[in-house]
Amino acid sequence: MSTSSLSRRSRLSRRGRLAVASACILVAGLAVHALADGPVGGFAGDALYAALVAMIVAFAVPRAARWVAPVVALAFCWAIEVLQLTPLPRAIEVAVPGSYFVFGSTFQWIDLVAYAVGVAVVAAVSRPAAGSSRDARTTPSGGAPERRPPEGTPSR
């Protein structure tokens, strides 16, 4: 990684990175919706939908543990899918045009799998890198034992 790209990354806050990633996921989801037909397009769209929900949760609560956003997103997406077993999504769509993109219309068990895949990808890429100091002491000697005073030195 070049020095200029490293400095740009360090200047972009976590929320900034989440916003950029969310925008990319949104564009990809809209492209899949417009261009891809059939089961592959539907699966990809659902996975992207769940990934976007996870990114929105992470943006809303950036200091939460990294597992919170994927778990909340999966619970939300599964709840919406189960809600499709009722007439409520259709009633909402009649009252609020465009709500179809949030509530869908027809329950499909494969959507539950797609949501799990979407949040799993978010969880995998949002984990701290190996050797990361997140949630650990951040001093250069973070894992070193504490120094002891030399023998014969009075303690305070």
C-alpha atoms as a PDB file:
ATOM      1  CA  MET A   1       0.000   0.000   0.000  1.00  0.00           C
ATOM      2  CA  SER A   2       1.433   3.373  -0.943  1.00  0.00           C
ATOM      3  CA  THR A   3       2.044   6.094   1.606  1.00  0.00           C
ATOM      4  CA  SER A   4      -0.555   8.388   0.032  1.00  0.00           C
ATOM      5  CA  SER A   5      -3.310   5.753   0.121  1.00  0.00           C
ATOM      6  CA  LEU A   6      -2.382   4.863   3.707  1.00  0.00           C
ATOM      7  CA  SER A   7      -2.654   8.494   4.780  1.00  0.00           C
ATOM      8  CA  ARG A   8      -6.002   8.839   2.987  1.00  0.00           C
ATOM      9  CA  ARG A   9      -7.325   5.756   4.770  1.00  0.00           C
ATOM     10  CA  SER A  10      -6.221   7.017   8.149  1.00  0.00           C
ATOM     11  CA  ARG A  11      -7.931  10.358   7.475  1.00  0.00           C
ATOM     12  CA  LEU A  12     -11.242   8.686   6.701  1.00  0.00           C
ATOM     13  CA  SER A  13     -13.133   7.896   9.887  1.00  0.00           C
ATOM     14  CA  ARG A  14     -14.873   4.602  10.548  1.00  0.00           C
ATOM     15  CA  ARG A  15     -18.222   6.226   9.807  1.00  0.00           C
ATOM     16  CA  GLY A  16     -16.821   7.658   6.593  1.00  0.00           C
ATOM     17  CA  ARG A  17     -15.640   4.211   5.481  1.00  0.00           C
ATOM     18  CA  LEU A  18     -19.031   2.750   6.421  1.00  0.00           C
ATOM     19  CA  ALA A  19     -20.812   5.449   4.406  1.00  0.00           C
ATOM     20  CA  VAL A  20     -18.655   4.793   1.342  1.00  0.00           C
ATOM     21  CA  ALA A  21     -19.125   1.022   1.656  1.00  0.00           C
ATOM     22  CA  SER A  22     -22.888   1.485   2.105  1.00  0.00           C
ATOM     23  CA  ALA A  23     -23.092   3.636  -1.017  1.00  0.00           C
ATOM     24  CA  CYS A  24     -21.203   0.992  -2.999  1.00  0.00           C
ATOM     25  CA  ILE A  25     -23.492  -1.763  -1.721  1.00  0.00           C
ATOM     26  CA  LEU A  26     -26.561   0.341  -2.547  1.00  0.00           C
ATOM     27  CA  VAL A  27     -25.360   0.966  -6.110  1.00  0.00           C
ATOM     28  CA  ALA A  28     -24.530  -2.727  -6.546  1.00  0.00           C
ATOM     29  CA  GLY A  29     -27.951  -3.699  -5.203  1.00  0.00           C
ATOM     30  CA  LEU A  30     -29.759  -1.320  -7.539  1.00  0.00           C
ATOM     31  CA  ALA A  31     -27.675  -2.592 -10.469  1.00  0.00           C
ATOM     32  CA  VAL A  32     -28.520  -6.209  -9.608  1.00  0.00           C
ATOM     33  CA  HIS A  33     -32.197  -5.266  -9.322  1.00  0.00           C
ATOM     34  CA  ALA A  34     -32.138  -3.561 -12.718  1.00  0.00           C
ATOM     35  CA  LEU A  35     -29.899  -5.961 -14.638  1.00  0.00           C
ATOM     36  CA  ALA A  36     -30.070  -9.449 -13.158  1.00  0.00           C
ATOM     37  CA  ASP A  37     -33.083 -11.671 -13.556  1.00  0.00           C
ATOM     38  CA  GLY A  38     -33.849 -15.053 -12.128  1.00  0.00           C
ATOM     39  CA  PRO A  39     -32.782 -16.826  -8.981  1.00  0.00           C
ATOM     40  CA  VAL A  40     -29.125 -15.708  -9.090  1.00  0.00           C
ATOM     41  CA  GLY A  41     -30.103 -12.047  -9.339  1.00  0.00           C
ATOM     42  CA  GLY A  42     -32.676 -12.453  -6.577  1.00  0.00           C
ATOM     43  CA  PHE A  43     -30.187 -14.187  -4.299  1.00  0.00           C
ATOM     44  CA  ALA A  44     -27.500 -11.553  -4.939  1.00  0.00           C
ATOM     45  CA  GLY A  45     -29.994  -8.753  -4.377  1.00  0.00           C
ATOM     46  CA  ASP A  46     -31.130 -10.234  -1.077  1.00  0.00           C
ATOM     47  CA  ALA A  47     -27.547 -10.746   0.096  1.00  0.00           C
ATOM     48  CA  LEU A  48     -26.729  -7.138  -0.797  1.00  0.00           C
ATOM     49  CA  TYR A  49     -29.884  -5.957   1.001  1.00  0.00           C
ATOM     50  CA  ALA A  50     -28.782  -7.717   4.198  1.00  0.00           C
ATOM     51  CA  ALA A  51     -25.242  -6.368   3.816  1.00  0.00           C
ATOM     52  CA  LEU A  52     -26.628  -2.837   3.469  1.00  0.00           C
ATOM     53  CA  VAL A  53     -28.758  -3.262   6.595  1.00  0.00           C
ATOM     54  CA  ALA A  54     -25.659  -4.424   8.486  1.00  0.00           C
ATOM     55  CA  MET A  55     -23.714  -1.389   7.266  1.00  0.00           C
ATOM     56  CA  ILE A  56     -26.516   0.951   8.344  1.00  0.00           C
ATOM     57  CA  VAL A  57     -26.542  -0.624  11.817  1.00  0.00           C
ATOM     58  CA  ALA A  58     -22.750  -0.318  12.036  1.00  0.00           C
ATOM     59  CA  PHE A  59     -22.998   3.338  10.963  1.00  0.00           C
ATOM     60  CA  ALA A  60     -25.692   4.039  13.562  1.00  0.00           C
ATOM     61  CA  VAL A  61     -23.706   2.468  16.413  1.00  0.00           C
ATOM     62  CA  PRO A  62     -20.037   2.626  15.387  1.00  0.00           C
ATOM     63  CA  ARG A  63     -18.694   1.767  18.847  1.00  0.00           C
ATOM     64  CA  ALA A  64     -20.690  -1.443  19.180  1.00  0.00           C
ATOM     65  CA  ALA A  65     -18.851  -4.737  19.047  1.00  0.00           C
ATOM     66  CA  ARG A  66     -18.236  -5.845  15.466  1.00  0.00           C
ATOM     67  CA  TRP A  67     -20.625  -8.800  15.766  1.00  0.00           C
ATOM     68  CA  VAL A  68     -23.603  -6.571  16.673  1.00  0.00           C
ATOM     69  CA  ALA A  69     -24.310  -5.145  13.205  1.00  0.00           C
ATOM     70  CA  PRO A  70     -24.421  -8.503  11.384  1.00  0.00           C
ATOM     71  CA  VAL A  71     -26.549 -10.120  14.104  1.00  0.00           C
ATOM     72  CA  VAL A  72     -29.030  -7.221  14.240  1.00  0.00           C
ATOM     73  CA  ALA A  73     -29.179  -7.084  10.439  1.00  0.00           C
ATOM     74  CA  LEU A  74     -29.826 -10.818  10.168  1.00  0.00           C
ATOM     75  CA  ALA A  75     -32.575 -10.646  12.794  1.00  0.00           C
ATOM     76  CA  PHE A  76     -34.164  -7.671  10.999  1.00  0.00           C
ATOM     77  CA  CYS A  77     -34.025  -9.333   7.568  1.00  0.00           C
ATOM     78  CA  TRP A  78     -35.383 -12.619   8.851  1.00  0.00           C
ATOM     79  CA  ALA A  79     -38.196 -10.786  10.659  1.00  0.00           C
ATOM     80  CA  ILE A  80     -39.119  -8.961   7.449  1.00  0.00           C
ATOM     81  CA  GLU A  81     -39.088 -12.255   5.540  1.00  0.00           C
ATOM     82  CA  VAL A  82     -41.336 -13.957   8.082  1.00  0.00           C
ATOM     83  CA  LEU A  83     -43.617 -10.901   8.017  1.00  0.00           C
ATOM     84  CA  GLN A  84     -44.206 -11.712   4.335  1.00  0.00           C
ATOM     85  CA  LEU A  85     -46.263 -14.681   5.481  1.00  0.00           C
ATOM     86  CA  THR A  86     -48.904 -12.115   6.517  1.00  0.00           C
ATOM     87  CA  PRO A  87     -50.871  -9.591   4.401  1.00  0.00           C
ATOM     88  CA  LEU A  88     -49.144  -6.673   6.155  1.00  0.00           C
ATOM     89  CA  PRO A  89     -46.403  -5.978   3.555  1.00  0.00           C
ATOM     90  CA  ARG A  90     -49.010  -5.646   0.799  1.00  0.00           C
ATOM     91  CA  ALA A  91     -51.063  -3.237   2.918  1.00  0.00           C
ATOM     92  CA  ILE A  92     -47.953  -1.151   3.621  1.00  0.00           C
ATOM     93  CA  GLU A  93     -47.068  -1.125  -0.086  1.00  0.00           C
ATOM     94  CA  VAL A  94     -50.509   0.222  -0.967  1.00  0.00           C
ATOM     95  CA  ALA A  95     -50.144   2.996   1.625  1.00  0.00           C
ATOM     96  CA  VAL A  96     -46.435   3.743   1.036  1.00  0.00           C
ATOM     97  CA  PRO A  97     -45.239   3.461  -2.564  1.00  0.00           C
ATOM     98  CA  GLY A  98     -41.724   2.053  -2.799  1.00  0.00           C
ATOM     99  CA  SER A  99     -41.963   0.170   0.488  1.00  0.00           C
ATOM    100  CA  TYR A 100     -41.710  -2.997  -1.583  1.00  0.00           C
ATOM    101  CA  PHE A 101     -37.910  -2.546  -1.545  1.00  0.00           C
ATOM    102  CA  VAL A 102     -37.910  -2.844   2.239  1.00  0.00           C
ATOM    103  CA  PHE A 103     -40.752  -5.284   2.925  1.00  0.00           C
ATOM    104  CA  GLY A 104     -40.820  -7.447  -0.205  1.00  0.00           C
ATOM    105  CA  SER A 105     -43.930  -9.417  -1.020  1.00  0.00           C
ATOM    106  CA  THR A 106     -43.510 -13.182  -0.984  1.00  0.00           C
ATOM    107  CA  PHE A 107     -41.887 -15.453   1.580  1.00  0.00           C
ATOM    108  CA  GLN A 108     -39.120 -17.627   0.136  1.00  0.00           C
ATOM    109  CA  TRP A 109     -36.926 -19.771   2.347  1.00  0.00           C
ATOM    110  CA  ILE A 110     -33.918 -19.204   0.067  1.00  0.00           C
ATOM    111  CA  ASP A 111     -34.060 -15.510   1.011  1.00  0.00           C
ATOM    112  CA  LEU A 112     -33.210 -16.506   4.581  1.00  0.00           C
ATOM    113  CA  VAL A 113     -30.036 -18.134   3.257  1.00  0.00           C
ATOM    114  CA  ALA A 114     -29.198 -15.106   1.097  1.00  0.00           C
ATOM    115  CA  TYR A 115     -29.513 -12.790   4.101  1.00  0.00           C
ATOM    116  CA  ALA A 116     -27.195 -15.026   6.099  1.00  0.00           C
ATOM    117  CA  VAL A 117     -24.641 -14.952   3.276  1.00  0.00           C
ATOM    118  CA  GLY A 118     -24.838 -11.154   3.039  1.00  0.00           C
ATOM    119  CA  VAL A 119     -24.262 -10.559   6.730  1.00  0.00           C
ATOM    120  CA  ALA A 120     -21.575 -13.253   6.856  1.00  0.00           C
ATOM    121  CA  VAL A 121     -19.606 -11.384   4.201  1.00  0.00           C
ATOM    122  CA  VAL A 122     -19.956  -8.143   6.165  1.00  0.00           C
ATOM    123  CA  ALA A 123     -18.854  -9.903   9.345  1.00  0.00           C
ATOM    124  CA  ALA A 124     -15.859 -11.437   7.587  1.00  0.00           C
ATOM    125  CA  VAL A 125     -14.594  -8.201   6.081  1.00  0.00           C
ATOM    126  CA  SER A 126     -15.281  -6.085   9.169  1.00  0.00           C
ATOM    127  CA  ARG A 127     -13.227  -8.200  11.565  1.00  0.00           C
ATOM    128  CA  PRO A 128     -10.027  -6.631  12.825  1.00  0.00           C
ATOM    129  CA  ALA A 129      -6.962  -7.801  10.943  1.00  0.00           C
ATOM    130  CA  ALA A 130      -4.702 -10.410  12.532  1.00  0.00           C
ATOM    131  CA  GLY A 131      -2.383  -8.686  14.939  1.00  0.00           C
ATOM    132  CA  SER A 132      -4.724  -5.723  15.272  1.00  0.00           C
ATOM    133  CA  SER A 133      -4.628  -3.851  18.531  1.00  0.00           C
ATOM    134  CA  ARG A 134      -8.390  -3.291  18.656  1.00  0.00           C
ATOM    135  CA  ASP A 135      -9.685  -4.079  22.134  1.00  0.00           C
ATOM    136  CA  ALA A 136      -6.150  -4.531  23.422  1.00  0.00           C
ATOM    137  CA  ARG A 137      -3.516  -2.372  25.028  1.00  0.00           C
ATOM    138  CA  THR A 138      -2.131  -0.060  22.380  1.00  0.00           C
ATOM    139  CA  THR A 139       1.306   0.691  23.750  1.00  0.00           C
ATOM    140  CA  PRO A 140       4.332  -0.721  21.925  1.00  0.00           C
ATOM    141  CA  SER A 141       4.820  -3.165  24.771  1.00  0.00           C
ATOM    142  CA  GLY A 142       1.122  -3.998  25.071  1.00  0.00           C
ATOM    143  CA  GLY A 143       1.734  -7.636  25.947  1.00  0.00           C
ATOM    144  CA  ALA A 144       4.875  -7.169  28.016  1.00  0.00           C
ATOM    145  CA  PRO A 145       4.770  -7.730  31.781  1.00  0.00           C
ATOM    146  CA  GLU A 146       4.866  -4.657  33.984  1.00  0.00           C
ATOM    147  CA  ARG A 147       8.289  -3.409  35.010  1.00  0.00           C
ATOM    148  CA  ARG A 148       9.382  -4.041  38.579  1.00  0.00           C
ATOM    149  CA  PRO A 149      11.600  -1.659  40.510  1.00  0.00           C
ATOM    150  CA  PRO A 150      15.192  -2.857  41.073  1.00  0.00           C
ATOM    151  CA  GLU A 151      15.878  -4.891  44.195  1.00  0.00           C
ATOM    152  CA  GLY A 152      16.334  -2.756  47.278  1.00  0.00           C
ATOM    153  CA  THR A 153      14.246   0.145  45.955  1.00  0.00           C
ATOM    154  CA  PRO A 154      11.596   1.176  48.474  1.00  0.00           C
ATOM    155  CA  SER A 155       8.047   0.889  47.231  1.00  0.00           C
ATOM    156  CA  ARG A 156       5.775   3.889  47.350  1.00  0.00           C
END
